[in-house]
Amino acid sequence: MLNTPGPGEKRDLRADPLGALPADFEAFFTREHPGYLRYAQQRLRHREDAQDAVQNAGATLYKNWRRALASADPQAFAFKIVKDAVVDLLRERRRAERKRLRVIAQRRPDTSQDELDQLAELDALDWAMEELARAAPVQADVVRLRQAGLSYPDIGRSLGIAHTTARTYYSLGRRHLEYLLEQPDDGQAP
């Protein structure tokens, strides 16, 4: 049955984005968890790391649940927490990798450059995504979320942008990545 306004009633053109939002943390997190996990796994490339990041984000969101509900867009608030948890895990991973490379360089200086070259080849896409994130962070988020399987309307809600803007940013972000990956190595890329 369609809800049509009667005479003198006001027509609501936008659906209330908070109307479908469960006020219970557990119901909300259970509903959003698969999308968060896909996003984290796309960024981190390992399911275990993604699960850790989403679990850490869940704990943080639980502590801040009242603030999330009081915010203008609780879904965007929650996604920001997930995004920050993923970034924290990436930072930890980079620190550990730098430490590992220092140990390799100290023990086997003859082979460390070969290992670094192999890592550079494997990390070309990660480097391009980092460059895109520096130049256009919202485009990078849209590309990551789209690659994680989210629809344009879901991406728009998560990032607080229109779904048509999400579609445009995805196209621009993909073109930017292709450009970065096609450029000859000038010593700037890993």
Protein backbone atom coordinates (compact mmCIF):
# COMPACT_ATOMS: atom_id res chain seq x y z
CA MET A 1 0.00 0.00 0.00
CA LEU A 2 1.40 3.40 -0.93
CA ASN A 3 1.43 6.20 1.58
CA THR A 4 0.19 9.25 -0.24
CA PRO A 5 -0.31 12.49 1.63
CA GLY A 6 -3.84 13.70 2.04
CA PRO A 7 -4.99 17.26 1.48
CA GLY A 8 -2.98 19.68 3.59
CA GLU A 9 -0.40 17.05 4.56
CA LYS A 10 3.23 17.59 3.79
CA ARG A 11 4.96 15.21 1.38
CA ASP A 12 8.33 13.96 2.59
CA LEU A 13 10.59 13.68 -0.44
CA ARG A 14 13.53 12.08 1.36
CA ALA A 15 13.19 8.94 3.39
CA ASP A 16 14.44 9.29 6.93
CA PRO A 17 17.93 7.73 6.90
CA LEU A 18 17.69 7.06 10.63
CA GLY A 19 14.28 5.40 10.33
CA ALA A 20 15.74 2.01 9.39
CA LEU A 21 18.61 2.34 11.84
CA PRO A 22 18.32 -0.03 14.79
CA ALA A 23 18.86 1.76 18.11
CA ASP A 24 20.37 -1.41 19.57
CA PHE A 25 24.15 -1.66 19.03
CA GLU A 26 24.12 -5.42 18.59
CA ALA A 27 21.41 -5.33 15.90
CA PHE A 28 23.19 -2.49 14.09
CA PHE A 29 26.63 -4.11 14.18
CA THR A 30 25.26 -7.51 13.16
CA ARG A 31 23.57 -5.91 10.15
CA GLU A 32 26.62 -3.85 9.10
CA HIS A 33 29.34 -6.38 9.96
CA PRO A 34 29.51 -8.16 6.55
CA GLY A 35 30.05 -4.88 4.70
CA TYR A 36 32.67 -3.73 7.19
CA LEU A 37 34.46 -7.06 6.89
CA ARG A 38 34.48 -6.89 3.06
CA TYR A 39 35.88 -3.35 3.18
CA ALA A 40 38.57 -4.28 5.72
CA GLN A 41 39.54 -7.43 3.84
CA GLN A 42 39.87 -5.49 0.59
CA ARG A 43 42.20 -3.00 2.28
CA LEU A 44 44.17 -5.47 4.40
CA ARG A 45 44.17 -8.47 2.01
CA HIS A 46 44.02 -10.99 4.86
CA ARG A 47 40.80 -12.20 6.43
CA GLU A 48 42.32 -12.57 9.90
CA ASP A 49 43.62 -8.99 9.86
CA ALA A 50 40.26 -7.77 8.58
CA GLN A 51 38.45 -9.61 11.37
CA ASP A 52 40.80 -8.08 13.94
CA ALA A 53 40.25 -4.58 12.55
CA VAL A 54 36.46 -4.95 12.48
CA GLN A 55 36.46 -6.41 15.99
CA ASN A 56 38.55 -3.47 17.24
CA ALA A 57 36.18 -1.08 15.46
CA GLY A 58 33.20 -2.85 17.04
CA ALA A 59 34.65 -2.39 20.51
CA THR A 60 35.30 1.30 19.85
CA LEU A 61 31.85 1.79 18.37
CA TYR A 62 30.25 0.05 21.36
CA LYS A 63 32.04 2.47 23.71
CA ASN A 64 30.83 5.40 21.60
CA TRP A 65 27.36 4.10 20.70
CA ARG A 66 25.51 7.00 22.33
CA ARG A 67 27.70 9.49 20.43
CA ALA A 68 27.02 7.57 17.22
CA LEU A 69 23.26 7.73 17.73
CA ALA A 70 23.48 11.43 18.56
CA SER A 71 25.52 12.23 15.43
CA ALA A 72 23.91 13.55 12.26
CA ASP A 73 24.70 10.30 10.41
CA PRO A 74 25.36 7.28 12.65
CA GLN A 75 26.28 5.05 9.71
CA ALA A 76 28.97 7.48 8.58
CA PHE A 77 30.17 7.78 12.20
CA ALA A 78 30.44 3.99 12.45
CA PHE A 79 32.19 3.68 9.08
CA LYS A 80 34.77 6.28 10.15
CA ILE A 81 35.57 4.12 13.18
CA VAL A 82 35.99 1.06 10.93
CA LYS A 83 38.17 3.02 8.54
CA ASP A 84 40.36 4.25 11.42
CA ALA A 85 40.73 0.70 12.78
CA VAL A 86 41.90 -0.50 9.35
CA VAL A 87 44.40 2.37 9.12
CA ASP A 88 45.74 1.53 12.58
CA LEU A 89 46.30 -2.09 11.54
CA LEU A 90 48.01 -0.96 8.32
CA ARG A 91 50.34 1.27 10.35
CA GLU A 92 51.22 -1.62 12.66
CA ARG A 93 51.88 -3.83 9.64
CA ARG A 94 54.14 -1.20 8.02
CA ARG A 95 56.13 -0.76 11.22
CA ALA A 96 56.66 -4.51 11.48
CA GLU A 97 57.65 -4.71 7.80
CA ARG A 98 60.19 -1.89 8.14
CA LYS A 99 61.66 -3.63 11.15
CA ARG A 100 61.83 -6.92 9.26
CA LEU A 101 63.55 -5.25 6.30
CA ARG A 102 66.13 -3.66 8.59
CA VAL A 103 66.90 -7.06 10.06
CA ILE A 104 67.21 -8.59 6.58
CA ALA A 105 69.52 -5.80 5.45
CA GLN A 106 71.75 -6.31 8.48
CA ARG A 107 71.95 -10.09 8.08
CA ARG A 108 72.09 -10.52 4.31
CA PRO A 109 73.01 -7.25 2.61
CA ASP A 110 73.57 -8.97 -0.77
CA THR A 111 69.99 -10.24 -1.11
CA SER A 112 68.04 -7.49 0.62
CA GLN A 113 67.78 -5.38 -2.56
CA ASP A 114 66.32 -8.33 -4.49
CA GLU A 115 63.75 -8.84 -1.77
CA LEU A 116 62.93 -5.13 -1.79
CA ASP A 117 62.46 -5.24 -5.58
CA GLN A 118 60.07 -8.18 -5.26
CA LEU A 119 58.09 -6.35 -2.59
CA ALA A 120 57.92 -3.28 -4.83
CA GLU A 121 56.41 -5.29 -7.66
CA LEU A 122 53.87 -6.94 -5.38
CA ASP A 123 52.90 -3.63 -3.77
CA ALA A 124 52.34 -1.58 -6.96
CA LEU A 125 48.57 -1.53 -6.50
CA ASP A 126 48.88 -0.70 -2.80
CA TRP A 127 51.21 2.16 -3.69
CA ALA A 128 48.77 3.45 -6.33
CA MET A 129 45.89 3.29 -3.83
CA GLU A 130 47.98 5.20 -1.28
CA GLU A 131 48.77 7.85 -3.89
CA LEU A 132 45.10 8.11 -4.79
CA ALA A 133 44.24 8.38 -1.08
CA ARG A 134 46.68 11.28 -0.71
CA ALA A 135 45.41 13.08 -3.82
CA ALA A 136 41.70 12.29 -3.50
CA PRO A 137 40.79 10.50 -0.25
CA VAL A 138 37.06 10.28 -0.93
CA GLN A 139 37.67 8.78 -4.38
CA ALA A 140 39.98 6.20 -2.80
CA ASP A 141 37.31 5.29 -0.23
CA VAL A 142 34.68 4.98 -2.97
CA VAL A 143 36.96 2.69 -5.02
CA ARG A 144 37.71 0.51 -1.98
CA LEU A 145 34.06 0.25 -0.96
CA ARG A 146 32.95 -0.52 -4.52
CA GLN A 147 35.63 -3.20 -4.82
CA ALA A 148 34.36 -4.59 -1.53
CA GLY A 149 30.98 -5.12 -3.19
CA LEU A 150 28.92 -2.22 -1.84
CA SER A 151 26.34 -0.57 -4.06
CA TYR A 152 26.55 3.11 -4.94
CA PRO A 153 23.64 4.02 -2.61
CA ASP A 154 25.34 2.14 0.26
CA ILE A 155 28.64 3.88 -0.48
CA GLY A 156 26.89 7.23 -0.56
CA ARG A 157 25.27 6.59 2.81
CA SER A 158 28.54 5.40 4.34
CA LEU A 159 30.52 8.40 3.14
CA GLY A 160 27.76 11.00 3.40
CA ILE A 161 27.65 11.75 -0.35
CA ALA A 162 25.02 11.31 -3.06
CA HIS A 163 24.98 7.95 -4.84
CA THR A 164 25.54 9.74 -8.17
CA THR A 165 28.62 11.40 -6.69
CA ALA A 166 29.83 7.98 -5.54
CA ARG A 167 29.44 6.67 -9.10
CA THR A 168 31.40 9.65 -10.49
CA TYR A 169 34.14 9.33 -7.85
CA TYR A 170 34.47 5.63 -8.62
CA SER A 171 35.00 6.35 -12.30
CA LEU A 172 37.50 9.13 -11.59
CA GLY A 173 39.33 7.04 -9.01
CA ARG A 174 39.67 4.06 -11.36
CA ARG A 175 41.05 6.31 -14.11
CA HIS A 176 43.52 7.84 -11.67
CA LEU A 177 44.69 4.37 -10.58
CA GLU A 178 45.13 3.25 -14.18
CA TYR A 179 47.18 6.37 -14.87
CA LEU A 180 49.39 5.75 -11.83
CA LEU A 181 49.95 2.10 -12.70
CA GLU A 182 50.81 2.85 -16.34
CA GLN A 183 53.48 5.44 -15.51
CA PRO A 184 57.11 4.37 -15.89
CA ASP A 185 59.01 4.02 -12.66
CA ASP A 186 60.76 7.34 -11.99
CA GLY A 187 62.13 6.38 -8.59
CA GLN A 188 59.02 7.68 -6.81
CA ALA A 189 57.05 4.43 -6.81
CA PRO A 190 58.01 1.62 -4.44
